[in-house]
Structures are given as C-alpha cells and as structure tokens.
Amino acid sequence: MTDVCGAITRKGGRCQNSRGTACPYHSDEERARAAAGSEPNAKGREDSPARRDAIAGRDLHEVAWRLLEDLLEDDRVDAARRASAGATLIRVVEALGEPPVSRERALAEIALRGMVMHGMPPRNAEEWALAEELFTPDAIAMFRTWEPGGEDAF
C-alpha cells in the first residue's frame, strides 16, 4: 500500500502515516480538507504591510501584538493551544515593558527634566501638559511657585 494519510498535521506538514485512510490520527474529513488544497497557512492570510513594517522596523511590541491578533483570529487551532500561545505572547509583551516613545517625545521629556533640575518651570502649555504626565501633583504645585526663567534662561 503506497497511499499515505496526507492530512494536515498540527505543525503544518502532511501526515506520512502509511495506513492511508486507516490512519488512527486523522479523520476522513481532515484528509478530504487536505486533498481539497486547504493548506494550514492558505486561509487568505497575507503578510500585511503593517506586519512587514513592524518586522522591518524591529518593533517587537508591534510584532507581538500582530501575532496575538492573528492567533486569536485563527479558528483552525484548538482553544487550548490558542490560550497557551496567547498567554506566552502576553508574557512577552509584559516583559518588553512600555513601548518606546517617539524620539521627539523623548527629547522633550529630557529637556523638561533638565529645566526642572535647574529650577526652571515649564515655559509653555505643551511643557506644562508633559510635566503633568511626568510629575506628581505636589511637584506641579511646587513648579507653579517658581519664577519663570523664559527663553533667556538658557
């Protein structure tokens, strides 16, 4: 007997069991689906530009979130495996910490912290808004008591 089962395995390959239709691991329905050309990754899943950009940009946060989204939408994987893989991806995202901020935001934060370190309060509405995100209400109240240094203070 030269027939093999041919059903799609959990790892995405083809079952090579030599019993063919008597394979104890796969049903007739699974073999029929495989014979009809229903490949595991052929479910209309294309690499989206956003996924390619996240990978090319080496943005691990974005890549992890995209993988989690794909995993949750994949109904071919049983619920227990999805839950396990999803939990692993969530642990990865948690271990990565906060996503990186933009370079402009990081520079603005550094400049503001430097000004405050030298006793100068924020100069404009944008700096005050950033200060309110970064510092405690008590610190903001203290900054408001400081005399403004203005542009010439630098």
Protein backbone atom coordinates (compact mmCIF):
# COMPACT_ATOMS: atom_id res chain seq x y z
CA MET A 1 0.00 0.00 0.00
CA THR A 2 1.66 3.25 -1.15
CA ASP A 3 -1.05 5.66 -0.03
CA VAL A 4 -0.27 7.91 2.89
CA CYS A 5 -2.76 9.72 5.07
CA GLY A 6 -1.91 13.21 3.74
CA ALA A 7 -3.94 15.09 6.35
CA ILE A 8 -2.51 18.35 7.60
CA THR A 9 -0.69 17.91 10.91
CA ARG A 10 -0.63 20.33 13.84
CA LYS A 11 2.80 21.55 12.77
CA GLY A 12 1.50 22.33 9.29
CA GLY A 13 3.04 19.47 7.33
CA ARG A 14 1.39 16.43 5.80
CA CYS A 15 0.83 13.21 7.73
CA GLN A 16 3.00 10.45 6.29
CA ASN A 17 1.22 7.55 8.01
CA SER A 18 1.39 4.63 5.59
CA ARG A 19 -2.04 3.30 6.59
CA GLY A 20 -3.65 5.94 4.38
CA THR A 21 -7.37 6.12 5.09
CA ALA A 22 -6.93 3.88 8.13
CA CYS A 23 -4.68 6.44 9.84
CA PRO A 24 -5.67 6.45 13.52
CA TYR A 25 -4.69 10.09 14.00
CA HIS A 26 -6.81 11.85 11.37
CA SER A 27 -10.43 11.70 10.28
CA ASP A 28 -11.77 11.35 6.75
CA GLU A 29 -12.85 14.98 6.95
CA GLU A 30 -9.27 16.12 7.72
CA ARG A 31 -7.94 14.07 4.80
CA ALA A 32 -10.62 15.49 2.48
CA ARG A 33 -9.79 19.03 3.52
CA ALA A 34 -6.10 18.38 2.83
CA ALA A 35 -6.91 16.82 -0.54
CA ALA A 36 -9.01 19.86 -1.46
CA GLY A 37 -5.91 22.02 -1.06
CA SER A 38 -6.79 23.62 2.23
CA GLU A 39 -3.27 24.32 3.43
CA PRO A 40 -2.92 25.49 7.03
CA ASN A 41 -1.47 28.87 6.10
CA ALA A 42 -3.56 29.39 2.97
CA LYS A 43 -6.53 30.80 4.80
CA GLY A 44 -6.23 34.09 2.97
CA ARG A 45 -3.52 35.24 5.29
CA GLU A 46 -1.21 37.60 3.55
CA ASP A 47 1.59 39.46 5.17
CA SER A 48 0.03 42.82 5.76
CA PRO A 49 2.12 45.94 5.15
CA ALA A 50 1.77 46.77 8.85
CA ARG A 51 3.23 43.38 9.84
CA ARG A 52 6.08 43.75 7.36
CA ASP A 53 6.78 47.28 8.62
CA ALA A 54 6.79 46.12 12.24
CA ILE A 55 9.24 43.33 11.43
CA ALA A 56 11.42 45.53 9.22
CA GLY A 57 11.42 48.26 11.86
CA ARG A 58 12.29 45.70 14.53
CA ASP A 59 9.34 46.90 16.62
CA LEU A 60 8.96 43.96 18.97
CA HIS A 61 5.85 45.38 20.64
CA GLU A 62 4.02 45.73 17.34
CA VAL A 63 5.16 42.31 16.11
CA ALA A 64 3.95 40.65 19.32
CA TRP A 65 0.56 42.38 19.15
CA ARG A 66 0.14 41.45 15.47
CA LEU A 67 0.97 37.81 16.25
CA LEU A 68 -1.53 37.80 19.11
CA GLU A 69 -4.19 39.25 16.82
CA ASP A 70 -3.52 36.58 14.19
CA LEU A 71 -3.59 33.86 16.84
CA LEU A 72 -6.95 34.98 18.21
CA GLU A 73 -8.46 35.08 14.71
CA ASP A 74 -7.15 31.62 13.75
CA ASP A 75 -10.02 29.19 14.29
CA ARG A 76 -8.04 26.21 12.94
CA VAL A 77 -6.04 25.94 16.16
CA ASP A 78 -7.85 24.41 19.12
CA ALA A 79 -8.76 26.68 22.01
CA ALA A 80 -6.29 25.17 24.48
CA ARG A 81 -3.34 25.75 22.16
CA ARG A 82 -4.52 29.29 21.38
CA ALA A 83 -4.82 30.05 25.07
CA SER A 84 -1.34 28.70 25.76
CA ALA A 85 0.27 30.58 22.87
CA GLY A 86 -1.71 33.72 23.72
CA ALA A 87 -0.56 33.60 27.33
CA THR A 88 3.04 33.25 26.16
CA LEU A 89 2.69 36.25 23.84
CA ILE A 90 1.14 38.32 26.64
CA ARG A 91 4.09 37.41 28.90
CA VAL A 92 6.45 38.54 26.15
CA VAL A 93 4.66 41.88 25.79
CA GLU A 94 4.69 42.34 29.57
CA ALA A 95 8.42 41.54 29.73
CA LEU A 96 9.14 44.09 27.00
CA GLY A 97 7.73 46.85 29.19
CA GLU A 98 6.31 50.06 27.85
CA PRO A 99 6.58 50.61 24.11
CA PRO A 100 9.26 53.07 23.13
CA VAL A 101 8.21 56.69 22.80
CA SER A 102 8.93 58.75 19.75
CA ARG A 103 12.30 60.45 19.55
CA GLU A 104 10.66 63.90 19.71
CA ARG A 105 8.74 62.96 22.84
CA ALA A 106 11.88 61.55 24.48
CA LEU A 107 13.84 64.73 23.68
CA ALA A 108 11.05 66.94 25.03
CA GLU A 109 10.94 64.89 28.23
CA ILE A 110 14.72 65.12 28.66
CA ALA A 111 14.67 68.88 28.10
CA LEU A 112 11.84 69.37 30.59
CA ARG A 113 13.54 67.25 33.25
CA GLY A 114 16.75 69.24 32.73
CA MET A 115 14.90 72.53 33.13
CA VAL A 116 13.20 71.34 36.31
CA MET A 117 16.50 70.01 37.65
CA HIS A 118 17.93 73.54 37.25
CA GLY A 119 14.96 75.18 38.97
CA MET A 120 13.12 76.46 35.90
CA PRO A 121 9.40 75.74 35.49
CA PRO A 122 7.84 74.69 32.16
CA ARG A 123 7.63 77.59 29.68
CA ASN A 124 4.50 76.88 27.64
CA ALA A 125 1.26 74.89 27.58
CA GLU A 126 2.86 71.85 25.91
CA GLU A 127 5.60 71.67 28.54
CA TRP A 128 3.05 72.04 31.35
CA ALA A 129 0.97 69.21 29.86
CA LEU A 130 4.05 66.99 29.66
CA ALA A 131 5.04 67.93 33.21
CA GLU A 132 1.60 66.91 34.46
CA GLU A 133 2.12 63.47 32.88
CA LEU A 134 5.59 63.04 34.34
CA PHE A 135 5.43 64.56 37.81
CA THR A 136 3.17 64.27 40.86
CA PRO A 137 0.52 66.90 41.64
CA ASP A 138 2.64 68.10 44.57
CA ALA A 139 5.61 68.66 42.28
CA ILE A 140 3.43 70.54 39.77
CA ALA A 141 2.16 72.78 42.58
CA MET A 142 5.76 73.48 43.59
CA PHE A 143 6.75 74.29 39.97
CA ARG A 144 3.95 76.86 39.82
CA THR A 145 5.59 78.78 42.68
CA TRP A 146 8.87 79.11 40.80
CA GLU A 147 9.71 82.27 38.94
CA PRO A 148 9.60 81.73 35.17
CA GLY A 149 13.04 81.81 33.54
CA GLY A 150 11.81 82.43 29.99
CA GLU A 151 13.78 81.81 26.81
CA ASP A 152 16.78 83.83 28.04
CA ALA A 153 17.35 81.47 30.95
CA PHE A 154 19.25 79.09 28.70
